[in-house]
Amino acid sequence: IEITIEGMTCGHCQMSVTNELATLEGVKSVSVDHTLGTAIVEAEGVSNEQFEEAVTEAGYKAVGFQTIDA
């Protein structure tokens, strides 16, 4: 899934979001890019609400979710 995230401006932001998303049970891989404002997450059994909560916990706002084909 691709998550659009508002508020990330640097590598530290990117790492904070990566760490929060990686703690969710069912997440297999996380790739966050602060320059694009996106996170690509490979996961099974994780809801958009759980992703949103993790991004919020990191201090940012998840504003969009898009399923992408593997």
PDB file of N, CA and C in Angstrom:
ATOM      1  N   ILE A   1       0.855  -1.179   0.000  1.00  0.00           N
ATOM      2  CA  ILE A   1       0.000   0.000   0.000  1.00  0.00           C
ATOM      3  C   ILE A   1       0.896   1.235   0.000  1.00  0.00           C
ATOM      4  N   GLU A   2       0.457   2.271  -0.700  1.00  0.00           N
ATOM      5  CA  GLU A   2       1.183   3.540  -0.685  1.00  0.00           C
ATOM      6  C   GLU A   2       0.401   4.516   0.180  1.00  0.00           C
ATOM      7  N   ILE A   3       1.092   5.105   1.152  1.00  0.00           N
ATOM      8  CA  ILE A   3       0.481   6.058   2.063  1.00  0.00           C
ATOM      9  C   ILE A   3       1.053   7.435   1.755  1.00  0.00           C
ATOM     10  N   THR A   4       0.191   8.416   1.528  1.00  0.00           N
ATOM     11  CA  THR A   4       0.628   9.793   1.349  1.00  0.00           C
ATOM     12  C   THR A   4       0.654  10.448   2.725  1.00  0.00           C
ATOM     13  N   ILE A   5       1.798  11.083   3.044  1.00  0.00           N
ATOM     14  CA  ILE A   5       2.015  11.619   4.385  1.00  0.00           C
ATOM     15  C   ILE A   5       2.385  13.094   4.299  1.00  0.00           C
ATOM     16  N   GLU A   6       1.710  13.919   5.099  1.00  0.00           N
ATOM     17  CA  GLU A   6       2.017  15.346   5.163  1.00  0.00           C
ATOM     18  C   GLU A   6       2.928  15.639   6.348  1.00  0.00           C
ATOM     19  N   GLY A   7       3.859  16.572   6.145  1.00  0.00           N
ATOM     20  CA  GLY A   7       4.655  17.083   7.248  1.00  0.00           C
ATOM     21  C   GLY A   7       6.090  16.606   7.320  1.00  0.00           C
ATOM     22  N   MET A   8       6.465  15.614   6.536  1.00  0.00           N
ATOM     23  CA  MET A   8       7.848  15.127   6.581  1.00  0.00           C
ATOM     24  C   MET A   8       8.747  16.082   5.792  1.00  0.00           C
ATOM     25  N   THR A   9       9.858  16.495   6.413  1.00  0.00           N
ATOM     26  CA  THR A   9      10.757  17.434   5.743  1.00  0.00           C
ATOM     27  C   THR A   9      12.214  16.995   5.714  1.00  0.00           C
ATOM     28  N   CYS A  10      12.538  15.904   6.425  1.00  0.00           N
ATOM     29  CA  CYS A  10      13.955  15.538   6.505  1.00  0.00           C
ATOM     30  C   CYS A  10      14.121  14.036   6.750  1.00  0.00           C
ATOM     31  N   GLY A  11      15.362  13.610   6.797  1.00  0.00           N
ATOM     32  CA  GLY A  11      15.674  12.212   7.040  1.00  0.00           C
ATOM     33  C   GLY A  11      15.208  11.730   8.401  1.00  0.00           C
ATOM     34  N   HIS A  12      15.242  12.610   9.401  1.00  0.00           N
ATOM     35  CA  HIS A  12      14.772  12.227  10.731  1.00  0.00           C
ATOM     36  C   HIS A  12      13.280  11.931  10.699  1.00  0.00           C
ATOM     37  N   CYS A  13      12.524  12.764   9.977  1.00  0.00           N
ATOM     38  CA  CYS A  13      11.079  12.536   9.806  1.00  0.00           C
ATOM     39  C   CYS A  13      10.850  11.162   9.182  1.00  0.00           C
ATOM     40  N   GLN A  14      11.614  10.900   8.140  1.00  0.00           N
ATOM     41  CA  GLN A  14      11.515   9.641   7.401  1.00  0.00           C
ATOM     42  C   GLN A  14      11.762   8.456   8.327  1.00  0.00           C
ATOM     43  N   MET A  15      12.791   8.558   9.169  1.00  0.00           N
ATOM     44  CA  MET A  15      13.136   7.468  10.084  1.00  0.00           C
ATOM     45  C   MET A  15      12.055   7.273  11.151  1.00  0.00           C
ATOM     46  N   SER A  16      11.494   8.366  11.653  1.00  0.00           N
ATOM     47  CA  SER A  16      10.436   8.264  12.664  1.00  0.00           C
ATOM     48  C   SER A  16       9.235   7.509  12.116  1.00  0.00           C
ATOM     49  N   VAL A  17       8.807   7.855  10.904  1.00  0.00           N
ATOM     50  CA  VAL A  17       7.655   7.190  10.279  1.00  0.00           C
ATOM     51  C   VAL A  17       7.989   5.727   9.994  1.00  0.00           C
ATOM     52  N   THR A  18       9.178   5.474   9.471  1.00  0.00           N
ATOM     53  CA  THR A  18       9.608   4.097   9.184  1.00  0.00           C
ATOM     54  C   THR A  18       9.535   3.245  10.441  1.00  0.00           C
ATOM     55  N   ASN A  19      10.086   3.752  11.539  1.00  0.00           N
ATOM     56  CA  ASN A  19      10.113   2.991  12.789  1.00  0.00           C
ATOM     57  C   ASN A  19       8.714   2.697  13.308  1.00  0.00           C
ATOM     58  N   GLU A  20       7.813   3.680  13.248  1.00  0.00           N
ATOM     59  CA  GLU A  20       6.444   3.467  13.734  1.00  0.00           C
ATOM     60  C   GLU A  20       5.705   2.436  12.882  1.00  0.00           C
ATOM     61  N   LEU A  21       5.804   2.556  11.565  1.00  0.00           N
ATOM     62  CA  LEU A  21       5.108   1.612  10.684  1.00  0.00           C
ATOM     63  C   LEU A  21       5.662   0.200  10.849  1.00  0.00           C
ATOM     64  N   ALA A  22       6.961   0.084  11.055  1.00  0.00           N
ATOM     65  CA  ALA A  22       7.601  -1.220  11.177  1.00  0.00           C
ATOM     66  C   ALA A  22       7.168  -1.971  12.438  1.00  0.00           C
ATOM     67  N   THR A  23       6.653  -1.251  13.435  1.00  0.00           N
ATOM     68  CA  THR A  23       6.238  -1.916  14.681  1.00  0.00           C
ATOM     69  C   THR A  23       4.881  -2.584  14.558  1.00  0.00           C
ATOM     70  N   LEU A  24       4.125  -2.271  13.501  1.00  0.00           N
ATOM     71  CA  LEU A  24       2.801  -2.870  13.345  1.00  0.00           C
ATOM     72  C   LEU A  24       2.916  -4.357  13.012  1.00  0.00           C
ATOM     73  N   GLU A  25       2.128  -5.175  13.722  1.00  0.00           N
ATOM     74  CA  GLU A  25       2.132  -6.602  13.455  1.00  0.00           C
ATOM     75  C   GLU A  25       1.540  -6.853  12.073  1.00  0.00           C
ATOM     76  N   GLY A  26       2.264  -7.619  11.253  1.00  0.00           N
ATOM     77  CA  GLY A  26       1.814  -7.917   9.898  1.00  0.00           C
ATOM     78  C   GLY A  26       2.578  -7.153   8.828  1.00  0.00           C
ATOM     79  N   VAL A  27       3.384  -6.165   9.253  1.00  0.00           N
ATOM     80  CA  VAL A  27       4.179  -5.395   8.285  1.00  0.00           C
ATOM     81  C   VAL A  27       5.429  -6.181   7.930  1.00  0.00           C
ATOM     82  N   LYS A  28       5.634  -6.374   6.619  1.00  0.00           N
ATOM     83  CA  LYS A  28       6.791  -7.129   6.135  1.00  0.00           C
ATOM     84  C   LYS A  28       7.937  -6.208   5.726  1.00  0.00           C
ATOM     85  N   SER A  29       7.603  -5.062   5.095  1.00  0.00           N
ATOM     86  CA  SER A  29       8.646  -4.117   4.697  1.00  0.00           C
ATOM     87  C   SER A  29       8.065  -2.710   4.631  1.00  0.00           C
ATOM     88  N   VAL A  30       8.943  -1.727   4.858  1.00  0.00           N
ATOM     89  CA  VAL A  30       8.550  -0.318   4.848  1.00  0.00           C
ATOM     90  C   VAL A  30       9.609   0.465   4.096  1.00  0.00           C
ATOM     91  N   SER A  31       9.168   1.324   3.190  1.00  0.00           N
ATOM     92  CA  SER A  31      10.075   2.233   2.487  1.00  0.00           C
ATOM     93  C   SER A  31       9.426   3.614   2.482  1.00  0.00           C
ATOM     94  N   VAL A  32      10.036   4.547   3.226  1.00  0.00           N
ATOM     95  CA  VAL A  32       9.493   5.900   3.357  1.00  0.00           C
ATOM     96  C   VAL A  32      10.407   6.861   2.612  1.00  0.00           C
ATOM     97  N   ASP A  33       9.811   7.806   1.884  1.00  0.00           N
ATOM     98  CA  ASP A  33      10.578   8.830   1.160  1.00  0.00           C
ATOM     99  C   ASP A  33      10.023  10.197   1.533  1.00  0.00           C
ATOM    100  N   HIS A  34      10.794  10.950   2.336  1.00  0.00           N
ATOM    101  CA  HIS A  34      10.298  12.255   2.790  1.00  0.00           C
ATOM    102  C   HIS A  34      10.211  13.268   1.652  1.00  0.00           C
ATOM    103  N   THR A  35      11.026  13.109   0.605  1.00  0.00           N
ATOM    104  CA  THR A  35      10.977  14.059  -0.514  1.00  0.00           C
ATOM    105  C   THR A  35       9.699  13.894  -1.326  1.00  0.00           C
ATOM    106  N   LEU A  36       9.195  12.670  -1.416  1.00  0.00           N
ATOM    107  CA  LEU A  36       7.940  12.404  -2.124  1.00  0.00           C
ATOM    108  C   LEU A  36       6.732  12.484  -1.192  1.00  0.00           C
ATOM    109  N   GLY A  37       6.989  12.387   0.113  1.00  0.00           N
ATOM    110  CA  GLY A  37       5.894  12.393   1.075  1.00  0.00           C
ATOM    111  C   GLY A  37       5.086  11.114   1.044  1.00  0.00           C
ATOM    112  N   THR A  38       5.776   9.993   0.816  1.00  0.00           N
ATOM    113  CA  THR A  38       5.075   8.717   0.728  1.00  0.00           C
ATOM    114  C   THR A  38       5.765   7.628   1.536  1.00  0.00           C
ATOM    115  N   ALA A  39       4.976   6.616   1.857  1.00  0.00           N
ATOM    116  CA  ALA A  39       5.494   5.388   2.449  1.00  0.00           C
ATOM    117  C   ALA A  39       4.915   4.234   1.640  1.00  0.00           C
ATOM    118  N   ILE A  40       5.769   3.301   1.262  1.00  0.00           N
ATOM    119  CA  ILE A  40       5.331   2.071   0.601  1.00  0.00           C
ATOM    120  C   ILE A  40       5.470   0.974   1.648  1.00  0.00           C
ATOM    121  N   VAL A  41       4.345   0.333   1.957  1.00  0.00           N
ATOM    122  CA  VAL A  41       4.344  -0.681   3.012  1.00  0.00           C
ATOM    123  C   VAL A  41       3.813  -1.988   2.447  1.00  0.00           C
ATOM    124  N   GLU A  42       4.578  -3.044   2.662  1.00  0.00           N
ATOM    125  CA  GLU A  42       4.102  -4.385   2.326  1.00  0.00           C
ATOM    126  C   GLU A  42       3.624  -5.004   3.637  1.00  0.00           C
ATOM    127  N   ALA A  43       2.343  -5.326   3.683  1.00  0.00           N
ATOM    128  CA  ALA A  43       1.773  -5.838   4.932  1.00  0.00           C
ATOM    129  C   ALA A  43       0.603  -6.757   4.649  1.00  0.00           C
ATOM    130  N   GLU A  44       0.295  -7.560   5.656  1.00  0.00           N
ATOM    131  CA  GLU A  44      -0.839  -8.471   5.574  1.00  0.00           C
ATOM    132  C   GLU A  44      -1.675  -8.306   6.840  1.00  0.00           C
ATOM    133  N   GLY A  45      -2.969  -8.051   6.662  1.00  0.00           N
ATOM    134  CA  GLY A  45      -3.869  -7.961   7.810  1.00  0.00           C
ATOM    135  C   GLY A  45      -3.762  -6.674   8.597  1.00  0.00           C
ATOM    136  N   VAL A  46      -3.277  -5.599   7.967  1.00  0.00           N
ATOM    137  CA  VAL A  46      -3.161  -4.312   8.640  1.00  0.00           C
ATOM    138  C   VAL A  46      -4.137  -3.340   7.976  1.00  0.00           C
ATOM    139  N   SER A  47      -4.943  -2.661   8.781  1.00  0.00           N
ATOM    140  CA  SER A  47      -5.952  -1.749   8.234  1.00  0.00           C
ATOM    141  C   SER A  47      -5.362  -0.365   7.985  1.00  0.00           C
ATOM    142  N   ASN A  48      -6.035   0.410   7.132  1.00  0.00           N
ATOM    143  CA  ASN A  48      -5.623   1.793   6.893  1.00  0.00           C
ATOM    144  C   ASN A  48      -5.654   2.589   8.191  1.00  0.00           C
ATOM    145  N   GLU A  49      -6.602   2.274   9.056  1.00  0.00           N
ATOM    146  CA  GLU A  49      -6.695   2.967  10.342  1.00  0.00           C
ATOM    147  C   GLU A  49      -5.460   2.710  11.194  1.00  0.00           C
ATOM    148  N   GLN A  50      -4.948   1.491  11.164  1.00  0.00           N
ATOM    149  CA  GLN A  50      -3.730   1.177  11.915  1.00  0.00           C
ATOM    150  C   GLN A  50      -2.532   1.925  11.339  1.00  0.00           C
ATOM    151  N   PHE A  51      -2.459   1.981  10.004  1.00  0.00           N
ATOM    152  CA  PHE A  51      -1.378   2.750   9.375  1.00  0.00           C
ATOM    153  C   PHE A  51      -1.475   4.220   9.780  1.00  0.00           C
ATOM    154  N   GLU A  52      -2.695   4.751   9.738  1.00  0.00           N
ATOM    155  CA  GLU A  52      -2.912   6.156  10.075  1.00  0.00           C
ATOM    156  C   GLU A  52      -2.499   6.458  11.512  1.00  0.00           C
ATOM    157  N   GLU A  53      -2.854   5.558  12.428  1.00  0.00           N
ATOM    158  CA  GLU A  53      -2.484   5.730  13.839  1.00  0.00           C
ATOM    159  C   GLU A  53      -0.968   5.733  14.011  1.00  0.00           C
ATOM    160  N   ALA A  54      -0.273   4.862  13.299  1.00  0.00           N
ATOM    161  CA  ALA A  54       1.188   4.790  13.406  1.00  0.00           C
ATOM    162  C   ALA A  54       1.829   6.074  12.881  1.00  0.00           C
ATOM    163  N   VAL A  55       1.334   6.585  11.761  1.00  0.00           N
ATOM    164  CA  VAL A  55       1.870   7.825  11.194  1.00  0.00           C
ATOM    165  C   VAL A  55       1.610   8.985  12.159  1.00  0.00           C
ATOM    166  N   THR A  56       0.415   9.018  12.746  1.00  0.00           N
ATOM    167  CA  THR A  56       0.075  10.063  13.712  1.00  0.00           C
ATOM    168  C   THR A  56       0.980   9.974  14.937  1.00  0.00           C
ATOM    169  N   GLU A  57       1.246   8.757  15.388  1.00  0.00           N
ATOM    170  CA  GLU A  57       2.129   8.539  16.537  1.00  0.00           C
ATOM    171  C   GLU A  57       3.535   9.079  16.264  1.00  0.00           C
ATOM    172  N   ALA A  58       3.955   9.017  15.001  1.00  0.00           N
ATOM    173  CA  ALA A  58       5.270   9.537  14.619  1.00  0.00           C
ATOM    174  C   ALA A  58       5.262  11.062  14.517  1.00  0.00           C
ATOM    175  N   GLY A  59       4.061  11.653  14.524  1.00  0.00           N
ATOM    176  CA  GLY A  59       3.955  13.110  14.500  1.00  0.00           C
ATOM    177  C   GLY A  59       3.577  13.699  13.157  1.00  0.00           C
ATOM    178  N   TYR A  60       3.050  12.871  12.271  1.00  0.00           N
ATOM    179  CA  TYR A  60       2.708  13.337  10.919  1.00  0.00           C
ATOM    180  C   TYR A  60       1.276  12.947  10.591  1.00  0.00           C
ATOM    181  N   LYS A  61       0.816  13.304   9.405  1.00  0.00           N
ATOM    182  CA  LYS A  61      -0.570  13.049   9.040  1.00  0.00           C
ATOM    183  C   LYS A  61      -0.647  12.221   7.758  1.00  0.00           C
ATOM    184  N   ALA A  62      -1.320  11.077   7.851  1.00  0.00           N
ATOM    185  CA  ALA A  62      -1.581  10.238   6.678  1.00  0.00           C
ATOM    186  C   ALA A  62      -2.813  10.806   5.984  1.00  0.00           C
ATOM    187  N   VAL A  63      -2.672  11.200   4.728  1.00  0.00           N
ATOM    188  CA  VAL A  63      -3.780  11.849   4.027  1.00  0.00           C
ATOM    189  C   VAL A  63      -4.332  11.037   2.867  1.00  0.00           C
ATOM    190  N   GLY A  64      -3.689   9.918   2.535  1.00  0.00           N
ATOM    191  CA  GLY A  64      -4.194   9.109   1.431  1.00  0.00           C
ATOM    192  C   GLY A  64      -3.615   7.716   1.442  1.00  0.00           C
ATOM    193  N   PHE A  65      -4.411   6.779   0.955  1.00  0.00           N
ATOM    194  CA  PHE A  65      -3.998   5.378   0.880  1.00  0.00           C
ATOM    195  C   PHE A  65      -4.328   4.861  -0.511  1.00  0.00           C
ATOM    196  N   GLN A  66      -3.373   4.187  -1.117  1.00  0.00           N
ATOM    197  CA  GLN A  66      -3.606   3.614  -2.432  1.00  0.00           C
ATOM    198  C   GLN A  66      -2.996   2.228  -2.490  1.00  0.00           C
ATOM    199  N   THR A  67      -3.808   1.256  -2.890  1.00  0.00           N
ATOM    200  CA  THR A  67      -3.299  -0.109  -3.046  1.00  0.00           C
ATOM    201  C   THR A  67      -2.526  -0.181  -4.350  1.00  0.00           C
ATOM    202  N   ILE A  68      -1.318  -0.727  -4.269  1.00  0.00           N
ATOM    203  CA  ILE A  68      -0.496  -0.880  -5.468  1.00  0.00           C
ATOM    204  C   ILE A  68      -0.215  -2.356  -5.673  1.00  0.00           C
ATOM    205  N   ASP A  69      -0.148  -2.760  -6.929  1.00  0.00           N
ATOM    206  CA  ASP A  69       0.104  -4.161  -7.248  1.00  0.00           C
ATOM    207  C   ASP A  69       1.564  -4.501  -7.057  1.00  0.00           C
ATOM    208  N   ALA A  70       1.796  -5.655  -6.466  1.00  0.00           N
ATOM    209  CA  ALA A  70       3.171  -6.099  -6.231  1.00  0.00           C
ATOM    210  C   ALA A  70       3.781  -6.655  -7.500  1.00  0.00           C
TER     211      ALA A  70
END
